[in-house]
Amino acid sequence: MPALAQLRELMGDNLGDLVRVYLIDTPTQIALLESHARDGGAGTKAQELLEGLRASFAAAQPKLADVVGSERGALASTAHAVR
């Protein structure tokens, strides 16, 4: 079972909210880490790790945005069916 399907099974209706917060907060957290690394004189290895973190987030972001979109669509469908 794919990881997102497992997470959906565990989180239920809260998955969309969790992913939405992750998508909003993560770029800010990465930027703060980069700022601290620059200001603290972090070495090349720290910069490489941060670049990898940013690239990983960029790769996952569209798939996670789809999760948020599908959660919204499912909620809208459910709300419409209840009416």
C-alpha atoms as a PDB file:
ATOM      1  CA  MET A   1       0.000   0.000   0.000  1.00  0.00           C
ATOM      2  CA  PRO A   2       1.479   3.399  -0.952  1.00  0.00           C
ATOM      3  CA  ALA A   3       2.537   5.631   1.934  1.00  0.00           C
ATOM      4  CA  LEU A   4      -0.109   8.288   1.271  1.00  0.00           C
ATOM      5  CA  ALA A   5      -2.853   5.661   1.218  1.00  0.00           C
ATOM      6  CA  GLN A   6      -1.622   4.335   4.560  1.00  0.00           C
ATOM      7  CA  LEU A   7      -1.501   7.832   5.975  1.00  0.00           C
ATOM      8  CA  ARG A   8      -5.022   8.518   4.688  1.00  0.00           C
ATOM      9  CA  GLU A   9      -6.204   5.341   6.387  1.00  0.00           C
ATOM     10  CA  LEU A  10      -4.645   6.427   9.685  1.00  0.00           C
ATOM     11  CA  MET A  11      -5.576  10.124   9.544  1.00  0.00           C
ATOM     12  CA  GLY A  12      -8.980   9.893   7.915  1.00  0.00           C
ATOM     13  CA  ASP A  13     -10.571  13.288   7.351  1.00  0.00           C
ATOM     14  CA  ASN A  14      -7.628  15.105   8.956  1.00  0.00           C
ATOM     15  CA  LEU A  15      -5.130  14.195   6.230  1.00  0.00           C
ATOM     16  CA  GLY A  16      -5.979  17.187   4.045  1.00  0.00           C
ATOM     17  CA  ASP A  17      -5.492  19.592   6.949  1.00  0.00           C
ATOM     18  CA  LEU A  18      -2.202  17.990   7.927  1.00  0.00           C
ATOM     19  CA  VAL A  19      -0.835  18.178   4.384  1.00  0.00           C
ATOM     20  CA  ARG A  20      -2.100  21.752   3.925  1.00  0.00           C
ATOM     21  CA  VAL A  21      -0.237  22.896   7.056  1.00  0.00           C
ATOM     22  CA  TYR A  22       2.881  21.026   5.935  1.00  0.00           C
ATOM     23  CA  LEU A  23       2.784  22.734   2.532  1.00  0.00           C
ATOM     24  CA  ILE A  24       2.398  26.154   4.125  1.00  0.00           C
ATOM     25  CA  ASP A  25       4.932  25.778   6.944  1.00  0.00           C
ATOM     26  CA  THR A  26       7.739  23.813   5.317  1.00  0.00           C
ATOM     27  CA  PRO A  27       9.073  26.523   2.952  1.00  0.00           C
ATOM     28  CA  THR A  28       9.278  28.943   5.893  1.00  0.00           C
ATOM     29  CA  GLN A  29      11.080  26.378   8.026  1.00  0.00           C
ATOM     30  CA  ILE A  30      13.562  25.644   5.236  1.00  0.00           C
ATOM     31  CA  ALA A  31      14.201  29.357   4.739  1.00  0.00           C
ATOM     32  CA  LEU A  32      14.864  29.772   8.478  1.00  0.00           C
ATOM     33  CA  LEU A  33      17.303  26.867   8.450  1.00  0.00           C
ATOM     34  CA  GLU A  34      19.086  28.377   5.453  1.00  0.00           C
ATOM     35  CA  SER A  35      19.267  31.746   7.172  1.00  0.00           C
ATOM     36  CA  HIS A  36      20.725  30.224  10.329  1.00  0.00           C
ATOM     37  CA  ALA A  37      23.199  28.218   8.271  1.00  0.00           C
ATOM     38  CA  ARG A  38      24.381  31.337   6.440  1.00  0.00           C
ATOM     39  CA  ASP A  39      24.540  33.522   9.553  1.00  0.00           C
ATOM     40  CA  GLY A  40      26.249  30.813  11.571  1.00  0.00           C
ATOM     41  CA  GLY A  41      28.861  30.131   8.944  1.00  0.00           C
ATOM     42  CA  ALA A  42      27.692  26.591   8.298  1.00  0.00           C
ATOM     43  CA  GLY A  43      29.977  24.498   6.200  1.00  0.00           C
ATOM     44  CA  THR A  44      29.528  23.182   2.707  1.00  0.00           C
ATOM     45  CA  LYS A  45      27.987  19.949   3.977  1.00  0.00           C
ATOM     46  CA  ALA A  46      25.199  21.823   5.792  1.00  0.00           C
ATOM     47  CA  GLN A  47      24.478  23.857   2.663  1.00  0.00           C
ATOM     48  CA  GLU A  48      24.333  20.665   0.578  1.00  0.00           C
ATOM     49  CA  LEU A  49      21.919  19.067   3.047  1.00  0.00           C
ATOM     50  CA  LEU A  50      19.670  22.112   2.940  1.00  0.00           C
ATOM     51  CA  GLU A  51      19.715  22.101  -0.866  1.00  0.00           C
ATOM     52  CA  GLY A  52      18.712  18.440  -0.769  1.00  0.00           C
ATOM     53  CA  LEU A  53      15.916  19.204   1.666  1.00  0.00           C
ATOM     54  CA  ARG A  54      14.613  21.998  -0.554  1.00  0.00           C
ATOM     55  CA  ALA A  55      14.809  19.778  -3.656  1.00  0.00           C
ATOM     56  CA  SER A  56      12.985  16.940  -1.877  1.00  0.00           C
ATOM     57  CA  PHE A  57      10.216  19.271  -0.795  1.00  0.00           C
ATOM     58  CA  ALA A  58       9.935  20.700  -4.320  1.00  0.00           C
ATOM     59  CA  ALA A  59       9.597  17.163  -5.715  1.00  0.00           C
ATOM     60  CA  ALA A  60       6.923  16.156  -3.186  1.00  0.00           C
ATOM     61  CA  GLN A  61       4.975  19.416  -3.223  1.00  0.00           C
ATOM     62  CA  PRO A  62       2.862  18.786  -6.369  1.00  0.00           C
ATOM     63  CA  LYS A  63       1.841  15.318  -5.192  1.00  0.00           C
ATOM     64  CA  LEU A  64       0.931  16.640  -1.769  1.00  0.00           C
ATOM     65  CA  ALA A  65      -1.014  19.513  -3.312  1.00  0.00           C
ATOM     66  CA  ASP A  66      -3.004  16.863  -5.195  1.00  0.00           C
ATOM     67  CA  VAL A  67      -3.827  15.229  -1.851  1.00  0.00           C
ATOM     68  CA  VAL A  68      -5.156  18.529  -0.527  1.00  0.00           C
ATOM     69  CA  GLY A  69      -7.143  19.059  -3.732  1.00  0.00           C
ATOM     70  CA  SER A  70      -8.611  15.558  -3.668  1.00  0.00           C
ATOM     71  CA  GLU A  71      -9.506  15.940   0.017  1.00  0.00           C
ATOM     72  CA  ARG A  72     -11.328  19.194  -0.771  1.00  0.00           C
ATOM     73  CA  GLY A  73     -13.108  17.545  -3.676  1.00  0.00           C
ATOM     74  CA  ALA A  74     -14.159  14.599  -1.519  1.00  0.00           C
ATOM     75  CA  LEU A  75     -15.430  16.932   1.181  1.00  0.00           C
ATOM     76  CA  ALA A  76     -17.348  19.023  -1.344  1.00  0.00           C
ATOM     77  CA  SER A  77     -18.887  15.889  -2.840  1.00  0.00           C
ATOM     78  CA  THR A  78     -19.857  14.612   0.582  1.00  0.00           C
ATOM     79  CA  ALA A  79     -21.369  17.962   1.590  1.00  0.00           C
ATOM     80  CA  HIS A  80     -23.329  18.109  -1.644  1.00  0.00           C
ATOM     81  CA  ALA A  81     -24.609  14.546  -1.188  1.00  0.00           C
ATOM     82  CA  VAL A  82     -25.755  15.295   2.367  1.00  0.00           C
ATOM     83  CA  ARG A  83     -27.864  18.272   1.285  1.00  0.00           C
END
